[in-house]
Amino acid sequence: MDLRQPKATKTETTFRQSCAVRCDVRASAEAVRAILTDAASYPKWNSTVVSLEGDIREGERLKLRVTLDPKRTFSPRVTKLDDREMIWSDGFAPMFRGVRTFTLTPKANGVVEFAMEEVFSGIMLPLIRKSLPDFGPAFEAFARDLKRAAEER
């Protein structure tokens, strides 16, 4: 079992940038999924989220405000939601697109691996890359907060 603190990894090419984090959580995939799909509760357990409005259901658009940019409201669409994976997408390919994927992988002894990756891509990325914040610390905090919330249930 991975007891280390979550550590974000980053990759970058000219037209693609990603940030990912993963950690083991001592909880069932169902328990973690229940936390991840309860929009109204995000600010209660997640130190990176100011507010999250909407229903986390496939096809729905959300209104998200985060601590990295609290004055801006992001409007991702839930483009996939099943027992093991959730995907939020925003933007317009091929110009600029962000896709955040949440994955739950059950392991042995009541442990689930949580993974989250955000991929930014598009022909505008080279022009705006320097204006994007460092997502690493926020991703690490998101994973720590989720781990704590799920394990305290």
C-alpha atoms as a PDB file:
ATOM      1  CA  MET A   1       0.000   0.000   0.000  1.00  0.00           C
ATOM      2  CA  ASP A   2       1.275   3.434  -0.931  1.00  0.00           C
ATOM      3  CA  LEU A   3       1.451   5.444   2.290  1.00  0.00           C
ATOM      4  CA  ARG A   4       3.476   8.305   0.817  1.00  0.00           C
ATOM      5  CA  GLN A   5       1.947  11.697   0.301  1.00  0.00           C
ATOM      6  CA  PRO A   6       0.545  12.233  -3.200  1.00  0.00           C
ATOM      7  CA  LYS A   7       3.112  13.735  -5.554  1.00  0.00           C
ATOM      8  CA  ALA A   8       2.069  15.400  -8.803  1.00  0.00           C
ATOM      9  CA  THR A   9       3.846  14.653 -12.065  1.00  0.00           C
ATOM     10  CA  LYS A  10       3.915  16.927 -15.082  1.00  0.00           C
ATOM     11  CA  THR A  11       4.620  16.469 -18.774  1.00  0.00           C
ATOM     12  CA  GLU A  12       4.877  19.078 -21.482  1.00  0.00           C
ATOM     13  CA  THR A  13       5.199  19.197 -25.259  1.00  0.00           C
ATOM     14  CA  THR A  14       4.510  22.072 -27.629  1.00  0.00           C
ATOM     15  CA  PHE A  15       0.765  21.483 -27.913  1.00  0.00           C
ATOM     16  CA  ARG A  16       0.082  19.331 -24.836  1.00  0.00           C
ATOM     17  CA  GLN A  17       0.573  19.808 -21.109  1.00  0.00           C
ATOM     18  CA  SER A  18      -0.541  17.494 -18.334  1.00  0.00           C
ATOM     19  CA  CYS A  19      -0.518  17.265 -14.573  1.00  0.00           C
ATOM     20  CA  ALA A  20      -1.362  14.036 -12.765  1.00  0.00           C
ATOM     21  CA  VAL A  21      -1.548  12.722  -9.228  1.00  0.00           C
ATOM     22  CA  ARG A  22      -2.374   9.370  -7.683  1.00  0.00           C
ATOM     23  CA  CYS A  23      -2.694   7.888  -4.224  1.00  0.00           C
ATOM     24  CA  ASP A  24      -4.022   4.848  -2.422  1.00  0.00           C
ATOM     25  CA  VAL A  25      -7.150   5.369  -0.314  1.00  0.00           C
ATOM     26  CA  ARG A  26      -8.288   2.956   2.409  1.00  0.00           C
ATOM     27  CA  ALA A  27     -11.915   2.968   1.260  1.00  0.00           C
ATOM     28  CA  SER A  28     -14.082   1.289  -1.339  1.00  0.00           C
ATOM     29  CA  ALA A  29     -14.338   2.648  -4.866  1.00  0.00           C
ATOM     30  CA  GLU A  30     -18.036   3.232  -4.173  1.00  0.00           C
ATOM     31  CA  ALA A  31     -17.263   5.405  -1.120  1.00  0.00           C
ATOM     32  CA  VAL A  32     -14.708   7.482  -3.045  1.00  0.00           C
ATOM     33  CA  ARG A  33     -17.063   7.795  -6.026  1.00  0.00           C
ATOM     34  CA  ALA A  34     -19.839   9.024  -3.719  1.00  0.00           C
ATOM     35  CA  ILE A  35     -17.570  11.837  -2.507  1.00  0.00           C
ATOM     36  CA  LEU A  36     -16.427  12.739  -6.032  1.00  0.00           C
ATOM     37  CA  THR A  37     -19.981  12.941  -7.383  1.00  0.00           C
ATOM     38  CA  ASP A  38     -21.456  15.110  -4.587  1.00  0.00           C
ATOM     39  CA  ALA A  39     -20.896  18.580  -6.047  1.00  0.00           C
ATOM     40  CA  ALA A  40     -22.336  20.572  -3.153  1.00  0.00           C
ATOM     41  CA  SER A  41     -19.946  18.935  -0.664  1.00  0.00           C
ATOM     42  CA  TYR A  42     -16.695  19.700  -2.505  1.00  0.00           C
ATOM     43  CA  PRO A  43     -15.909  22.915  -0.563  1.00  0.00           C
ATOM     44  CA  LYS A  44     -16.436  21.039   2.726  1.00  0.00           C
ATOM     45  CA  TRP A  45     -13.737  18.441   2.115  1.00  0.00           C
ATOM     46  CA  ASN A  46     -11.609  19.927  -0.667  1.00  0.00           C
ATOM     47  CA  SER A  47      -9.316  22.850   0.158  1.00  0.00           C
ATOM     48  CA  THR A  48      -8.787  23.591  -3.566  1.00  0.00           C
ATOM     49  CA  VAL A  49     -12.460  24.229  -4.384  1.00  0.00           C
ATOM     50  CA  VAL A  50     -14.274  27.471  -3.520  1.00  0.00           C
ATOM     51  CA  SER A  51     -17.590  26.264  -4.967  1.00  0.00           C
ATOM     52  CA  LEU A  52     -19.002  23.629  -7.290  1.00  0.00           C
ATOM     53  CA  GLU A  53     -22.535  23.940  -8.609  1.00  0.00           C
ATOM     54  CA  GLY A  54     -24.537  21.558 -10.756  1.00  0.00           C
ATOM     55  CA  ASP A  55     -25.276  17.856 -10.888  1.00  0.00           C
ATOM     56  CA  ILE A  56     -22.328  15.590 -11.512  1.00  0.00           C
ATOM     57  CA  ARG A  57     -24.040  13.485 -14.156  1.00  0.00           C
ATOM     58  CA  GLU A  58     -22.946  12.643 -17.675  1.00  0.00           C
ATOM     59  CA  GLY A  59     -23.808  15.470 -20.064  1.00  0.00           C
ATOM     60  CA  GLU A  60     -24.252  18.105 -17.338  1.00  0.00           C
ATOM     61  CA  ARG A  61     -22.299  21.373 -17.222  1.00  0.00           C
ATOM     62  CA  LEU A  62     -20.821  22.427 -13.858  1.00  0.00           C
ATOM     63  CA  LYS A  63     -19.870  25.817 -12.419  1.00  0.00           C
ATOM     64  CA  LEU A  64     -16.532  25.503 -10.652  1.00  0.00           C
ATOM     65  CA  ARG A  65     -14.510  28.093  -8.736  1.00  0.00           C
ATOM     66  CA  VAL A  66     -11.086  27.096  -7.434  1.00  0.00           C
ATOM     67  CA  THR A  67      -8.541  28.639  -5.077  1.00  0.00           C
ATOM     68  CA  LEU A  68      -5.972  28.957  -7.904  1.00  0.00           C
ATOM     69  CA  ASP A  69      -8.228  31.540  -9.613  1.00  0.00           C
ATOM     70  CA  PRO A  70     -11.205  32.285  -7.290  1.00  0.00           C
ATOM     71  CA  LYS A  71     -12.619  35.162  -9.369  1.00  0.00           C
ATOM     72  CA  ARG A  72     -13.063  32.995 -12.453  1.00  0.00           C
ATOM     73  CA  THR A  73     -15.818  30.431 -12.946  1.00  0.00           C
ATOM     74  CA  PHE A  74     -14.936  27.368 -15.007  1.00  0.00           C
ATOM     75  CA  SER A  75     -17.725  25.490 -16.783  1.00  0.00           C
ATOM     76  CA  PRO A  76     -16.620  21.934 -17.490  1.00  0.00           C
ATOM     77  CA  ARG A  77     -19.054  19.392 -18.885  1.00  0.00           C
ATOM     78  CA  VAL A  78     -19.210  15.898 -17.386  1.00  0.00           C
ATOM     79  CA  THR A  79     -18.434  13.902 -20.530  1.00  0.00           C
ATOM     80  CA  LYS A  80     -18.122  10.479 -18.905  1.00  0.00           C
ATOM     81  CA  LEU A  81     -19.277   8.994 -15.618  1.00  0.00           C
ATOM     82  CA  ASP A  82     -19.258   5.338 -14.697  1.00  0.00           C
ATOM     83  CA  ASP A  83     -18.236   3.224 -11.716  1.00  0.00           C
ATOM     84  CA  ARG A  84     -14.504   3.672 -12.313  1.00  0.00           C
ATOM     85  CA  GLU A  85     -14.015   6.846 -14.331  1.00  0.00           C
ATOM     86  CA  MET A  86     -15.256  10.416 -14.498  1.00  0.00           C
ATOM     87  CA  ILE A  87     -14.201  12.951 -17.137  1.00  0.00           C
ATOM     88  CA  TRP A  88     -14.760  16.718 -17.134  1.00  0.00           C
ATOM     89  CA  SER A  89     -14.052  18.602 -20.383  1.00  0.00           C
ATOM     90  CA  ASP A  90     -13.969  22.269 -21.317  1.00  0.00           C
ATOM     91  CA  GLY A  91     -12.782  24.360 -24.248  1.00  0.00           C
ATOM     92  CA  PHE A  92     -12.851  23.908 -27.982  1.00  0.00           C
ATOM     93  CA  ALA A  93     -10.495  21.665 -29.913  1.00  0.00           C
ATOM     94  CA  PRO A  94      -8.317  22.310 -31.807  1.00  0.00           C
ATOM     95  CA  MET A  95      -7.899  25.788 -30.266  1.00  0.00           C
ATOM     96  CA  PHE A  96      -7.613  24.995 -26.543  1.00  0.00           C
ATOM     97  CA  ARG A  97      -9.109  22.181 -24.534  1.00  0.00           C
ATOM     98  CA  GLY A  98      -8.826  20.951 -20.964  1.00  0.00           C
ATOM     99  CA  VAL A  99      -9.805  17.420 -19.986  1.00  0.00           C
ATOM    100  CA  ARG A 100      -9.696  16.217 -16.371  1.00  0.00           C
ATOM    101  CA  THR A 101      -9.957  12.469 -15.807  1.00  0.00           C
ATOM    102  CA  PHE A 102     -10.626  10.897 -12.414  1.00  0.00           C
ATOM    103  CA  THR A 103      -9.977   7.137 -12.200  1.00  0.00           C
ATOM    104  CA  LEU A 104     -10.693   4.666  -9.399  1.00  0.00           C
ATOM    105  CA  THR A 105      -8.908   1.304  -9.483  1.00  0.00           C
ATOM    106  CA  PRO A 106      -9.836  -1.200  -6.735  1.00  0.00           C
ATOM    107  CA  LYS A 107      -6.873  -2.972  -5.148  1.00  0.00           C
ATOM    108  CA  ALA A 108      -6.591  -5.614  -2.420  1.00  0.00           C
ATOM    109  CA  ASN A 109      -7.658  -5.233   1.221  1.00  0.00           C
ATOM    110  CA  GLY A 110     -10.267  -2.495   0.829  1.00  0.00           C
ATOM    111  CA  VAL A 111      -7.949  -0.060  -0.926  1.00  0.00           C
ATOM    112  CA  VAL A 112      -8.676   1.903  -4.080  1.00  0.00           C
ATOM    113  CA  GLU A 113      -6.129   3.794  -6.144  1.00  0.00           C
ATOM    114  CA  PHE A 114      -7.328   7.302  -6.981  1.00  0.00           C
ATOM    115  CA  ALA A 115      -5.766   8.954 -10.026  1.00  0.00           C
ATOM    116  CA  MET A 116      -6.478  12.375 -11.492  1.00  0.00           C
ATOM    117  CA  GLU A 117      -4.976  13.869 -14.638  1.00  0.00           C
ATOM    118  CA  GLU A 118      -5.648  17.141 -16.409  1.00  0.00           C
ATOM    119  CA  VAL A 119      -4.528  17.490 -20.013  1.00  0.00           C
ATOM    120  CA  PHE A 120      -4.449  20.847 -21.761  1.00  0.00           C
ATOM    121  CA  SER A 121      -4.019  20.778 -25.520  1.00  0.00           C
ATOM    122  CA  GLY A 122      -4.487  22.876 -28.608  1.00  0.00           C
ATOM    123  CA  ILE A 123      -2.824  25.310 -30.938  1.00  0.00           C
ATOM    124  CA  MET A 124      -3.304  28.186 -28.447  1.00  0.00           C
ATOM    125  CA  LEU A 125      -1.418  26.375 -25.654  1.00  0.00           C
ATOM    126  CA  PRO A 126       2.044  27.730 -26.570  1.00  0.00           C
ATOM    127  CA  LEU A 127       0.650  31.276 -26.395  1.00  0.00           C
ATOM    128  CA  ILE A 128      -1.057  30.923 -23.008  1.00  0.00           C
ATOM    129  CA  ARG A 129       1.184  28.350 -21.269  1.00  0.00           C
ATOM    130  CA  LYS A 130       2.993  31.001 -19.204  1.00  0.00           C
ATOM    131  CA  SER A 131      -0.319  32.332 -17.884  1.00  0.00           C
ATOM    132  CA  LEU A 132      -1.340  28.921 -16.526  1.00  0.00           C
ATOM    133  CA  PRO A 133      -0.647  28.330 -12.823  1.00  0.00           C
ATOM    134  CA  ASP A 134       1.418  25.462 -11.416  1.00  0.00           C
ATOM    135  CA  PHE A 135      -1.261  22.792 -10.928  1.00  0.00           C
ATOM    136  CA  GLY A 136       1.031  20.426  -8.998  1.00  0.00           C
ATOM    137  CA  PRO A 137       0.411  21.731  -5.454  1.00  0.00           C
ATOM    138  CA  ALA A 138      -3.365  21.954  -6.036  1.00  0.00           C
ATOM    139  CA  PHE A 139      -3.480  18.394  -7.397  1.00  0.00           C
ATOM    140  CA  GLU A 140      -1.512  17.117  -4.415  1.00  0.00           C
ATOM    141  CA  ALA A 141      -3.884  18.935  -2.024  1.00  0.00           C
ATOM    142  CA  PHE A 142      -6.931  17.565  -3.900  1.00  0.00           C
ATOM    143  CA  ALA A 143      -5.653  13.982  -3.528  1.00  0.00           C
ATOM    144  CA  ARG A 144      -4.725  14.454   0.169  1.00  0.00           C
ATOM    145  CA  ASP A 145      -8.125  15.994   0.912  1.00  0.00           C
ATOM    146  CA  LEU A 146      -9.994  13.212  -0.904  1.00  0.00           C
ATOM    147  CA  LYS A 147      -7.948  10.536   0.873  1.00  0.00           C
ATOM    148  CA  ARG A 148      -8.693  12.111   4.263  1.00  0.00           C
ATOM    149  CA  ALA A 149     -12.422  12.541   3.526  1.00  0.00           C
ATOM    150  CA  ALA A 150     -12.831   8.955   2.298  1.00  0.00           C
ATOM    151  CA  GLU A 151     -10.824   7.381   5.105  1.00  0.00           C
ATOM    152  CA  GLU A 152     -12.708   9.339   7.790  1.00  0.00           C
ATOM    153  CA  ARG A 153     -16.095   8.060   6.534  1.00  0.00           C
END
